[in-house]
Amino acid sequence: MRRRKLRMSFEALNDLLAAHDYIATFDPIAARRFLDDINGKIEWMARLGISGSPRDFIPRLRGFPYRKRCIYFFIDDHELTVLRILHGRQKITPDNFLPFYQNKQED
């Protein structure tokens, strides 16, 4: 399989920053390791074309659980687009993805 282009939404980057900041209040080194690890996993997903599991509440949305988080994304033959990275215990609804869809509809 060929490597896909990797895109991260603004919301996904904010999710990572919030997780980092929370972990850093207890252990800054662990927070940095967390970011390195989850970013490495996302790059691995793009490289191998990991398809994850379907999330039926939004068409084409996929999820991949990793380190008590779930990476939500779209994937096709050319690109993996990460929409959100949310805690596994968080209640997920279509509203968590609304900003992304609003931006896409304006394009």
PDB file of N, CA and C in Angstrom:
ATOM      1  N   MET A   1       0.830  -1.188   0.000  1.00  0.00           N
ATOM      2  CA  MET A   1       0.000   0.000   0.000  1.00  0.00           C
ATOM      3  C   MET A   1       0.872   1.248   0.000  1.00  0.00           C
ATOM      4  N   ARG A   2       0.418   2.255  -0.706  1.00  0.00           N
ATOM      5  CA  ARG A   2       1.204   3.479  -0.703  1.00  0.00           C
ATOM      6  C   ARG A   2       0.743   4.402   0.418  1.00  0.00           C
ATOM      7  N   ARG A   3       1.644   5.220   0.831  1.00  0.00           N
ATOM      8  CA  ARG A   3       1.386   6.148   1.930  1.00  0.00           C
ATOM      9  C   ARG A   3       0.340   7.191   1.545  1.00  0.00           C
ATOM     10  N   ARG A   4      -0.561   7.449   2.451  1.00  0.00           N
ATOM     11  CA  ARG A   4      -1.587   8.469   2.239  1.00  0.00           C
ATOM     12  C   ARG A   4      -1.125   9.796   2.828  1.00  0.00           C
ATOM     13  N   LYS A   5      -1.624  10.866   2.243  1.00  0.00           N
ATOM     14  CA  LYS A   5      -1.379  12.187   2.800  1.00  0.00           C
ATOM     15  C   LYS A   5      -2.127  12.263   4.129  1.00  0.00           C
ATOM     16  N   LEU A   6      -1.509  12.865   5.112  1.00  0.00           N
ATOM     17  CA  LEU A   6      -2.105  12.983   6.434  1.00  0.00           C
ATOM     18  C   LEU A   6      -2.531  14.421   6.669  1.00  0.00           C
ATOM     19  N   ARG A   7      -3.802  14.594   7.032  1.00  0.00           N
ATOM     20  CA  ARG A   7      -4.330  15.916   7.384  1.00  0.00           C
ATOM     21  C   ARG A   7      -4.907  15.831   8.790  1.00  0.00           C
ATOM     22  N   MET A   8      -4.713  16.900   9.546  1.00  0.00           N
ATOM     23  CA  MET A   8      -5.265  16.991  10.900  1.00  0.00           C
ATOM     24  C   MET A   8      -6.162  18.217  10.951  1.00  0.00           C
ATOM     25  N   SER A   9      -7.377  18.038  11.430  1.00  0.00           N
ATOM     26  CA  SER A   9      -8.271  19.185  11.581  1.00  0.00           C
ATOM     27  C   SER A   9      -7.814  20.045  12.752  1.00  0.00           C
ATOM     28  N   PHE A  10      -8.258  21.279  12.746  1.00  0.00           N
ATOM     29  CA  PHE A  10      -7.989  22.193  13.850  1.00  0.00           C
ATOM     30  C   PHE A  10      -8.518  21.605  15.160  1.00  0.00           C
ATOM     31  N   GLU A  11      -9.693  20.975  15.108  1.00  0.00           N
ATOM     32  CA  GLU A  11     -10.284  20.375  16.300  1.00  0.00           C
ATOM     33  C   GLU A  11      -9.430  19.234  16.833  1.00  0.00           C
ATOM     34  N   ALA A  12      -8.863  18.408  15.954  1.00  0.00           N
ATOM     35  CA  ALA A  12      -7.996  17.311  16.383  1.00  0.00           C
ATOM     36  C   ALA A  12      -6.737  17.856  17.060  1.00  0.00           C
ATOM     37  N   LEU A  13      -6.165  18.910  16.488  1.00  0.00           N
ATOM     38  CA  LEU A  13      -4.987  19.523  17.104  1.00  0.00           C
ATOM     39  C   LEU A  13      -5.328  20.095  18.480  1.00  0.00           C
ATOM     40  N   ASN A  14      -6.497  20.709  18.603  1.00  0.00           N
ATOM     41  CA  ASN A  14      -6.935  21.214  19.912  1.00  0.00           C
ATOM     42  C   ASN A  14      -7.166  20.080  20.903  1.00  0.00           C
ATOM     43  N   ASP A  15      -7.710  18.962  20.426  1.00  0.00           N
ATOM     44  CA  ASP A  15      -7.900  17.792  21.295  1.00  0.00           C
ATOM     45  C   ASP A  15      -6.558  17.311  21.844  1.00  0.00           C
ATOM     46  N   LEU A  16      -5.553  17.248  20.976  1.00  0.00           N
ATOM     47  CA  LEU A  16      -4.222  16.813  21.417  1.00  0.00           C
ATOM     48  C   LEU A  16      -3.614  17.803  22.406  1.00  0.00           C
ATOM     49  N   LEU A  17      -3.764  19.078  22.126  1.00  0.00           N
ATOM     50  CA  LEU A  17      -3.232  20.098  23.031  1.00  0.00           C
ATOM     51  C   LEU A  17      -3.900  20.014  24.408  1.00  0.00           C
ATOM     52  N   ALA A  18      -5.215  19.835  24.429  1.00  0.00           N
ATOM     53  CA  ALA A  18      -5.933  19.729  25.705  1.00  0.00           C
ATOM     54  C   ALA A  18      -5.484  18.500  26.487  1.00  0.00           C
ATOM     55  N   ALA A  19      -5.315  17.369  25.797  1.00  0.00           N
ATOM     56  CA  ALA A  19      -4.848  16.150  26.474  1.00  0.00           C
ATOM     57  C   ALA A  19      -3.435  16.357  27.015  1.00  0.00           C
ATOM     58  N   HIS A  20      -2.571  16.955  26.200  1.00  0.00           N
ATOM     59  CA  HIS A  20      -1.205  17.234  26.641  1.00  0.00           C
ATOM     60  C   HIS A  20      -1.204  18.123  27.879  1.00  0.00           C
ATOM     61  N   ASP A  21      -1.956  19.221  27.841  1.00  0.00           N
ATOM     62  CA  ASP A  21      -1.973  20.162  28.963  1.00  0.00           C
ATOM     63  C   ASP A  21      -2.487  19.500  30.238  1.00  0.00           C
ATOM     64  N   TYR A  22      -3.501  18.658  30.116  1.00  0.00           N
ATOM     65  CA  TYR A  22      -4.037  17.963  31.286  1.00  0.00           C
ATOM     66  C   TYR A  22      -2.990  17.019  31.875  1.00  0.00           C
ATOM     67  N   ILE A  23      -2.378  16.196  31.027  1.00  0.00           N
ATOM     68  CA  ILE A  23      -1.364  15.249  31.507  1.00  0.00           C
ATOM     69  C   ILE A  23      -0.166  15.997  32.084  1.00  0.00           C
ATOM     70  N   ALA A  24       0.210  17.107  31.471  1.00  0.00           N
ATOM     71  CA  ALA A  24       1.387  17.877  31.907  1.00  0.00           C
ATOM     72  C   ALA A  24       1.217  18.458  33.307  1.00  0.00           C
ATOM     73  N   THR A  25      -0.018  18.674  33.755  1.00  0.00           N
ATOM     74  CA  THR A  25      -0.204  19.183  35.117  1.00  0.00           C
ATOM     75  C   THR A  25       0.286  18.176  36.146  1.00  0.00           C
ATOM     76  N   PHE A  26       0.319  16.902  35.787  1.00  0.00           N
ATOM     77  CA  PHE A  26       0.786  15.848  36.686  1.00  0.00           C
ATOM     78  C   PHE A  26       2.199  15.379  36.351  1.00  0.00           C
ATOM     79  N   ASP A  27       2.504  15.335  35.037  1.00  0.00           N
ATOM     80  CA  ASP A  27       3.796  14.793  34.610  1.00  0.00           C
ATOM     81  C   ASP A  27       4.140  15.313  33.209  1.00  0.00           C
ATOM     82  N   PRO A  28       4.938  16.386  33.121  1.00  0.00           N
ATOM     83  CA  PRO A  28       5.272  16.963  31.809  1.00  0.00           C
ATOM     84  C   PRO A  28       5.983  15.993  30.862  1.00  0.00           C
ATOM     85  N   ILE A  29       6.809  15.126  31.401  1.00  0.00           N
ATOM     86  CA  ILE A  29       7.510  14.161  30.547  1.00  0.00           C
ATOM     87  C   ILE A  29       6.518  13.168  29.949  1.00  0.00           C
ATOM     88  N   ALA A  30       5.579  12.705  30.747  1.00  0.00           N
ATOM     89  CA  ALA A  30       4.553  11.783  30.246  1.00  0.00           C
ATOM     90  C   ALA A  30       3.691  12.459  29.194  1.00  0.00           C
ATOM     91  N   ALA A  31       3.420  13.745  29.370  1.00  0.00           N
ATOM     92  CA  ALA A  31       2.612  14.484  28.395  1.00  0.00           C
ATOM     93  C   ALA A  31       3.321  14.513  27.039  1.00  0.00           C
ATOM     94  N   ARG A  32       4.610  14.770  27.042  1.00  0.00           N
ATOM     95  CA  ARG A  32       5.379  14.795  25.789  1.00  0.00           C
ATOM     96  C   ARG A  32       5.421  13.412  25.154  1.00  0.00           C
ATOM     97  N   ARG A  33       5.603  12.388  25.969  1.00  0.00           N
ATOM     98  CA  ARG A  33       5.614  11.009  25.445  1.00  0.00           C
ATOM     99  C   ARG A  33       4.259  10.651  24.834  1.00  0.00           C
ATOM    100  N   PHE A  34       3.192  11.090  25.489  1.00  0.00           N
ATOM    101  CA  PHE A  34       1.852  10.833  24.965  1.00  0.00           C
ATOM    102  C   PHE A  34       1.703  11.426  23.565  1.00  0.00           C
ATOM    103  N   LEU A  35       2.090  12.695  23.406  1.00  0.00           N
ATOM    104  CA  LEU A  35       1.988  13.342  22.087  1.00  0.00           C
ATOM    105  C   LEU A  35       2.824  12.614  21.043  1.00  0.00           C
ATOM    106  N   ASP A  36       4.061  12.294  21.398  1.00  0.00           N
ATOM    107  CA  ASP A  36       4.930  11.584  20.455  1.00  0.00           C
ATOM    108  C   ASP A  36       4.318  10.247  20.053  1.00  0.00           C
ATOM    109  N   ASP A  37       3.769   9.531  21.042  1.00  0.00           N
ATOM    110  CA  ASP A  37       3.211   8.211  20.790  1.00  0.00           C
ATOM    111  C   ASP A  37       1.964   8.276  19.914  1.00  0.00           C
ATOM    112  N   ILE A  38       1.044   9.146  20.247  1.00  0.00           N
ATOM    113  CA  ILE A  38      -0.206   9.206  19.477  1.00  0.00           C
ATOM    114  C   ILE A  38       0.034   9.764  18.069  1.00  0.00           C
ATOM    115  N   ASN A  39       0.948  10.725  17.937  1.00  0.00           N
ATOM    116  CA  ASN A  39       1.302  11.216  16.596  1.00  0.00           C
ATOM    117  C   ASN A  39       1.953  10.120  15.760  1.00  0.00           C
ATOM    118  N   GLY A  40       2.796   9.323  16.393  1.00  0.00           N
ATOM    119  CA  GLY A  40       3.406   8.187  15.700  1.00  0.00           C
ATOM    120  C   GLY A  40       2.367   7.178  15.245  1.00  0.00           C
ATOM    121  N   LYS A  41       1.358   6.946  16.077  1.00  0.00           N
ATOM    122  CA  LYS A  41       0.297   6.005  15.715  1.00  0.00           C
ATOM    123  C   LYS A  41      -0.514   6.532  14.527  1.00  0.00           C
ATOM    124  N   ILE A  42      -0.797   7.825  14.524  1.00  0.00           N
ATOM    125  CA  ILE A  42      -1.553   8.411  13.418  1.00  0.00           C
ATOM    126  C   ILE A  42      -0.748   8.320  12.112  1.00  0.00           C
ATOM    127  N   GLU A  43       0.544   8.591  12.178  1.00  0.00           N
ATOM    128  CA  GLU A  43       1.396   8.460  10.989  1.00  0.00           C
ATOM    129  C   GLU A  43       1.422   7.011  10.497  1.00  0.00           C
ATOM    130  N   TRP A  44       1.467   6.073  11.424  1.00  0.00           N
ATOM    131  CA  TRP A  44       1.434   4.645  11.096  1.00  0.00           C
ATOM    132  C   TRP A  44       0.128   4.290  10.397  1.00  0.00           C
ATOM    133  N   MET A  45      -0.992   4.827  10.905  1.00  0.00           N
ATOM    134  CA  MET A  45      -2.297   4.576  10.286  1.00  0.00           C
ATOM    135  C   MET A  45      -2.317   5.078   8.847  1.00  0.00           C
ATOM    136  N   ALA A  46      -1.774   6.269   8.613  1.00  0.00           N
ATOM    137  CA  ALA A  46      -1.736   6.831   7.254  1.00  0.00           C
ATOM    138  C   ALA A  46      -0.836   6.000   6.353  1.00  0.00           C
ATOM    139  N   ARG A  47       0.299   5.591   6.877  1.00  0.00           N
ATOM    140  CA  ARG A  47       1.257   4.828   6.077  1.00  0.00           C
ATOM    141  C   ARG A  47       0.678   3.480   5.650  1.00  0.00           C
ATOM    142  N   LEU A  48       0.000   2.796   6.566  1.00  0.00           N
ATOM    143  CA  LEU A  48      -0.509   1.458   6.270  1.00  0.00           C
ATOM    144  C   LEU A  48      -1.947   1.450   5.758  1.00  0.00           C
ATOM    145  N   GLY A  49      -2.624   2.577   5.833  1.00  0.00           N
ATOM    146  CA  GLY A  49      -4.008   2.621   5.378  1.00  0.00           C
ATOM    147  C   GLY A  49      -4.959   1.913   6.328  1.00  0.00           C
ATOM    148  N   ILE A  50      -4.695   2.012   7.622  1.00  0.00           N
ATOM    149  CA  ILE A  50      -5.556   1.393   8.621  1.00  0.00           C
ATOM    150  C   ILE A  50      -6.958   1.978   8.486  1.00  0.00           C
ATOM    151  N   SER A  51      -7.940   1.103   8.377  1.00  0.00           N
ATOM    152  CA  SER A  51      -9.295   1.589   8.118  1.00  0.00           C
ATOM    153  C   SER A  51     -10.136   1.778   9.373  1.00  0.00           C
ATOM    154  N   GLY A  52      -9.718   1.236  10.509  1.00  0.00           N
ATOM    155  CA  GLY A  52     -10.483   1.411  11.734  1.00  0.00           C
ATOM    156  C   GLY A  52     -11.856   0.775  11.642  1.00  0.00           C
ATOM    157  N   SER A  53     -12.734   1.178  12.548  1.00  0.00           N
ATOM    158  CA  SER A  53     -14.099   0.653  12.599  1.00  0.00           C
ATOM    159  C   SER A  53     -15.082   1.752  12.215  1.00  0.00           C
ATOM    160  N   PRO A  54     -16.144   1.376  11.497  1.00  0.00           N
ATOM    161  CA  PRO A  54     -17.128   2.394  11.112  1.00  0.00           C
ATOM    162  C   PRO A  54     -17.849   2.971  12.327  1.00  0.00           C
ATOM    163  N   ARG A  55     -18.147   4.238  12.261  1.00  0.00           N
ATOM    164  CA  ARG A  55     -18.968   4.925  13.257  1.00  0.00           C
ATOM    165  C   ARG A  55     -20.227   5.348  12.527  1.00  0.00           C
ATOM    166  N   ASP A  56     -21.297   4.637  12.787  1.00  0.00           N
ATOM    167  CA  ASP A  56     -22.516   4.740  11.984  1.00  0.00           C
ATOM    168  C   ASP A  56     -23.242   6.072  12.076  1.00  0.00           C
ATOM    169  N   PHE A  57     -22.953   6.880  13.075  1.00  0.00           N
ATOM    170  CA  PHE A  57     -23.720   8.115  13.225  1.00  0.00           C
ATOM    171  C   PHE A  57     -23.311   9.204  12.243  1.00  0.00           C
ATOM    172  N   ILE A  58     -22.201   9.015  11.528  1.00  0.00           N
ATOM    173  CA  ILE A  58     -21.788   9.943  10.469  1.00  0.00           C
ATOM    174  C   ILE A  58     -21.248   9.109   9.303  1.00  0.00           C
ATOM    175  N   PRO A  59     -21.765   9.306   8.097  1.00  0.00           N
ATOM    176  CA  PRO A  59     -21.292   8.523   6.947  1.00  0.00           C
ATOM    177  C   PRO A  59     -19.783   8.676   6.746  1.00  0.00           C
ATOM    178  N   ARG A  60     -19.125   7.553   6.454  1.00  0.00           N
ATOM    179  CA  ARG A  60     -17.685   7.461   6.159  1.00  0.00           C
ATOM    180  C   ARG A  60     -16.792   7.647   7.380  1.00  0.00           C
ATOM    181  N   LEU A  61     -17.331   8.031   8.526  1.00  0.00           N
ATOM    182  CA  LEU A  61     -16.503   8.236   9.711  1.00  0.00           C
ATOM    183  C   LEU A  61     -15.994   6.903  10.232  1.00  0.00           C
ATOM    184  N   ARG A  62     -14.719   6.874  10.588  1.00  0.00           N
ATOM    185  CA  ARG A  62     -14.079   5.672  11.138  1.00  0.00           C
ATOM    186  C   ARG A  62     -13.496   6.040  12.500  1.00  0.00           C
ATOM    187  N   GLY A  63     -13.274   5.030  13.319  1.00  0.00           N
ATOM    188  CA  GLY A  63     -12.656   5.251  14.620  1.00  0.00           C
ATOM    189  C   GLY A  63     -11.592   4.206  14.882  1.00  0.00           C
ATOM    190  N   PHE A  64     -10.533   4.620  15.576  1.00  0.00           N
ATOM    191  CA  PHE A  64      -9.457   3.711  15.949  1.00  0.00           C
ATOM    192  C   PHE A  64      -9.097   3.999  17.399  1.00  0.00           C
ATOM    193  N   PRO A  65      -9.449   3.074  18.328  1.00  0.00           N
ATOM    194  CA  PRO A  65      -9.128   3.304  19.737  1.00  0.00           C
ATOM    195  C   PRO A  65      -7.629   3.125  19.990  1.00  0.00           C
ATOM    196  N   TYR A  66      -7.087   4.035  20.789  1.00  0.00           N
ATOM    197  CA  TYR A  66      -5.659   3.964  21.116  1.00  0.00           C
ATOM    198  C   TYR A  66      -5.388   4.773  22.380  1.00  0.00           C
ATOM    199  N   ARG A  67      -4.757   4.157  23.347  1.00  0.00           N
ATOM    200  CA  ARG A  67      -4.349   4.790  24.605  1.00  0.00           C
ATOM    201  C   ARG A  67      -5.482   5.574  25.282  1.00  0.00           C
ATOM    202  N   LYS A  68      -6.593   4.898  25.481  1.00  0.00           N
ATOM    203  CA  LYS A  68      -7.769   5.464  26.141  1.00  0.00           C
ATOM    204  C   LYS A  68      -8.388   6.623  25.365  1.00  0.00           C
ATOM    205  N   ARG A  69      -8.006   6.782  24.117  1.00  0.00           N
ATOM    206  CA  ARG A  69      -8.577   7.789  23.243  1.00  0.00           C
ATOM    207  C   ARG A  69      -9.163   7.078  22.031  1.00  0.00           C
ATOM    208  N   CYS A  70      -9.946   7.789  21.266  1.00  0.00           N
ATOM    209  CA  CYS A  70     -10.397   7.269  19.975  1.00  0.00           C
ATOM    210  C   CYS A  70     -10.050   8.313  18.925  1.00  0.00           C
ATOM    211  N   ILE A  71      -9.371   7.864  17.896  1.00  0.00           N
ATOM    212  CA  ILE A  71      -8.983   8.714  16.782  1.00  0.00           C
ATOM    213  C   ILE A  71     -10.087   8.583  15.738  1.00  0.00           C
ATOM    214  N   TYR A  72     -10.778   9.684  15.459  1.00  0.00           N
ATOM    215  CA  TYR A  72     -11.871   9.702  14.489  1.00  0.00           C
ATOM    216  C   TYR A  72     -11.351  10.302  13.190  1.00  0.00           C
ATOM    217  N   PHE A  73     -11.642   9.623  12.078  1.00  0.00           N
ATOM    218  CA  PHE A  73     -11.041  10.047  10.819  1.00  0.00           C
ATOM    219  C   PHE A  73     -11.846   9.589   9.619  1.00  0.00           C
ATOM    220  N   PHE A  74     -11.525  10.195   8.474  1.00  0.00           N
ATOM    221  CA  PHE A  74     -11.964   9.744   7.159  1.00  0.00           C
ATOM    222  C   PHE A  74     -10.721   9.215   6.455  1.00  0.00           C
ATOM    223  N   ILE A  75     -10.912   8.187   5.627  1.00  0.00           N
ATOM    224  CA  ILE A  75      -9.784   7.666   4.857  1.00  0.00           C
ATOM    225  C   ILE A  75     -10.262   7.300   3.454  1.00  0.00           C
ATOM    226  N   ASP A  76      -9.397   7.546   2.483  1.00  0.00           N
ATOM    227  CA  ASP A  76      -9.633   7.081   1.119  1.00  0.00           C
ATOM    228  C   ASP A  76      -8.286   6.642   0.550  1.00  0.00           C
ATOM    229  N   ASP A  77      -8.218   6.436  -0.744  1.00  0.00           N
ATOM    230  CA  ASP A  77      -6.981   5.939  -1.350  1.00  0.00           C
ATOM    231  C   ASP A  77      -5.830   6.931  -1.298  1.00  0.00           C
ATOM    232  N   HIS A  78      -6.130   8.201  -1.068  1.00  0.00           N
ATOM    233  CA  HIS A  78      -5.099   9.227  -1.146  1.00  0.00           C
ATOM    234  C   HIS A  78      -4.821   9.956   0.157  1.00  0.00           C
ATOM    235  N   GLU A  79      -5.779   9.909   1.101  1.00  0.00           N
ATOM    236  CA  GLU A  79      -5.666  10.787   2.260  1.00  0.00           C
ATOM    237  C   GLU A  79      -6.316  10.176   3.506  1.00  0.00           C
ATOM    238  N   LEU A  80      -5.709  10.447   4.656  1.00  0.00           N
ATOM    239  CA  LEU A  80      -6.308  10.157   5.950  1.00  0.00           C
ATOM    240  C   LEU A  80      -6.481  11.505   6.642  1.00  0.00           C
ATOM    241  N   THR A  81      -7.722  11.833   6.979  1.00  0.00           N
ATOM    242  CA  THR A  81      -8.040  13.112   7.616  1.00  0.00           C
ATOM    243  C   THR A  81      -8.534  12.843   9.022  1.00  0.00           C
ATOM    244  N   VAL A  82      -7.764  13.267  10.019  1.00  0.00           N
ATOM    245  CA  VAL A  82      -8.148  13.093  11.420  1.00  0.00           C
ATOM    246  C   VAL A  82      -9.044  14.264  11.806  1.00  0.00           C
ATOM    247  N   LEU A  83     -10.257  13.933  12.268  1.00  0.00           N
ATOM    248  CA  LEU A  83     -11.218  14.962  12.651  1.00  0.00           C
ATOM    249  C   LEU A  83     -11.126  15.301  14.131  1.00  0.00           C
ATOM    250  N   ARG A  84     -11.090  14.278  14.968  1.00  0.00           N
ATOM    251  CA  ARG A  84     -11.076  14.480  16.420  1.00  0.00           C
ATOM    252  C   ARG A  84     -10.263  13.364  17.060  1.00  0.00           C
ATOM    253  N   ILE A  85      -9.756  13.644  18.257  1.00  0.00           N
ATOM    254  CA  ILE A  85      -9.104  12.643  19.099  1.00  0.00           C
ATOM    255  C   ILE A  85      -9.691  12.844  20.486  1.00  0.00           C
ATOM    256  N   LEU A  86     -10.638  11.976  20.839  1.00  0.00           N
ATOM    257  CA  LEU A  86     -11.421  12.173  22.051  1.00  0.00           C
ATOM    258  C   LEU A  86     -11.223  11.018  23.025  1.00  0.00           C
ATOM    259  N   HIS A  87     -11.406  11.306  24.306  1.00  0.00           N
ATOM    260  CA  HIS A  87     -11.262  10.284  25.336  1.00  0.00           C
ATOM    261  C   HIS A  87     -12.314   9.204  25.136  1.00  0.00           C
ATOM    262  N   GLY A  88     -11.937   7.965  25.371  1.00  0.00           N
ATOM    263  CA  GLY A  88     -12.829   6.833  25.159  1.00  0.00           C
ATOM    264  C   GLY A  88     -14.061   6.827  26.040  1.00  0.00           C
ATOM    265  N   ARG A  89     -14.022   7.504  27.174  1.00  0.00           N
ATOM    266  CA  ARG A  89     -15.182   7.552  28.067  1.00  0.00           C
ATOM    267  C   ARG A  89     -16.108   8.732  27.770  1.00  0.00           C
ATOM    268  N   GLN A  90     -15.704   9.567  26.857  1.00  0.00           N
ATOM    269  CA  GLN A  90     -16.504  10.739  26.505  1.00  0.00           C
ATOM    270  C   GLN A  90     -17.693  10.321  25.642  1.00  0.00           C
ATOM    271  N   LYS A  91     -18.845  10.895  25.904  1.00  0.00           N
ATOM    272  CA  LYS A  91     -20.019  10.623  25.075  1.00  0.00           C
ATOM    273  C   LYS A  91     -19.832  11.345  23.740  1.00  0.00           C
ATOM    274  N   ILE A  92     -19.912  10.586  22.664  1.00  0.00           N
ATOM    275  CA  ILE A  92     -19.673  11.131  21.327  1.00  0.00           C
ATOM    276  C   ILE A  92     -21.005  11.250  20.596  1.00  0.00           C
ATOM    277  N   THR A  93     -21.238  12.411  20.007  1.00  0.00           N
ATOM    278  CA  THR A  93     -22.438  12.654  19.205  1.00  0.00           C
ATOM    279  C   THR A  93     -22.011  13.329  17.903  1.00  0.00           C
ATOM    280  N   PRO A  94     -22.894  13.400  16.941  1.00  0.00           N
ATOM    281  CA  PRO A  94     -22.560  14.128  15.705  1.00  0.00           C
ATOM    282  C   PRO A  94     -22.153  15.582  15.962  1.00  0.00           C
ATOM    283  N   ASP A  95     -22.631  16.170  17.055  1.00  0.00           N
ATOM    284  CA  ASP A  95     -22.262  17.557  17.371  1.00  0.00           C
ATOM    285  C   ASP A  95     -20.759  17.724  17.591  1.00  0.00           C
ATOM    286  N   ASN A  96     -20.062  16.649  18.003  1.00  0.00           N
ATOM    287  CA  ASN A  96     -18.616  16.718  18.166  1.00  0.00           C
ATOM    288  C   ASN A  96     -17.894  16.972  16.846  1.00  0.00           C
ATOM    289  N   PHE A  97     -18.596  16.758  15.739  1.00  0.00           N
ATOM    290  CA  PHE A  97     -17.997  16.873  14.415  1.00  0.00           C
ATOM    291  C   PHE A  97     -18.608  18.003  13.591  1.00  0.00           C
ATOM    292  N   LEU A  98     -19.517  18.747  14.171  1.00  0.00           N
ATOM    293  CA  LEU A  98     -20.235  19.804  13.475  1.00  0.00           C
ATOM    294  C   LEU A  98     -19.312  20.870  12.868  1.00  0.00           C
ATOM    295  N   PRO A  99     -18.305  21.363  13.587  1.00  0.00           N
ATOM    296  CA  PRO A  99     -17.439  22.388  12.967  1.00  0.00           C
ATOM    297  C   PRO A  99     -16.779  21.900  11.668  1.00  0.00           C
ATOM    298  N   PHE A 100     -16.425  20.633  11.632  1.00  0.00           N
ATOM    299  CA  PHE A 100     -15.795  20.108  10.423  1.00  0.00           C
ATOM    300  C   PHE A 100     -16.772  20.121   9.256  1.00  0.00           C
ATOM    301  N   TYR A 101     -17.985  19.680   9.506  1.00  0.00           N
ATOM    302  CA  TYR A 101     -18.975  19.661   8.434  1.00  0.00           C
ATOM    303  C   TYR A 101     -19.376  21.052   7.987  1.00  0.00           C
ATOM    304  N   GLN A 102     -19.440  21.999   8.901  1.00  0.00           N
ATOM    305  CA  GLN A 102     -19.755  23.367   8.515  1.00  0.00           C
ATOM    306  C   GLN A 102     -18.679  23.918   7.586  1.00  0.00           C
ATOM    307  N   ASN A 103     -17.417  23.642   7.892  1.00  0.00           N
ATOM    308  CA  ASN A 103     -16.316  24.104   7.039  1.00  0.00           C
ATOM    309  C   ASN A 103     -16.356  23.444   5.679  1.00  0.00           C
ATOM    310  N   LYS A 104     -16.643  22.150   5.634  1.00  0.00           N
ATOM    311  CA  LYS A 104     -16.661  21.427   4.377  1.00  0.00           C
ATOM    312  C   LYS A 104     -17.783  21.921   3.466  1.00  0.00           C
ATOM    313  N   GLN A 105     -18.932  22.264   4.044  1.00  0.00           N
ATOM    314  CA  GLN A 105     -20.059  22.711   3.255  1.00  0.00           C
ATOM    315  C   GLN A 105     -19.792  24.081   2.638  1.00  0.00           C
ATOM    316  N   GLU A 106     -18.945  24.888   3.276  1.00  0.00           N
ATOM    317  CA  GLU A 106     -18.635  26.211   2.747  1.00  0.00           C
ATOM    318  C   GLU A 106     -17.659  26.156   1.592  1.00  0.00           C
ATOM    319  N   ASP A 107     -16.860  25.067   1.488  1.00  0.00           N
ATOM    320  CA  ASP A 107     -15.848  24.946   0.428  1.00  0.00           C
ATOM    321  C   ASP A 107     -16.457  24.838  -0.933  1.00  0.00           C
TER     322      ASP A 107
END
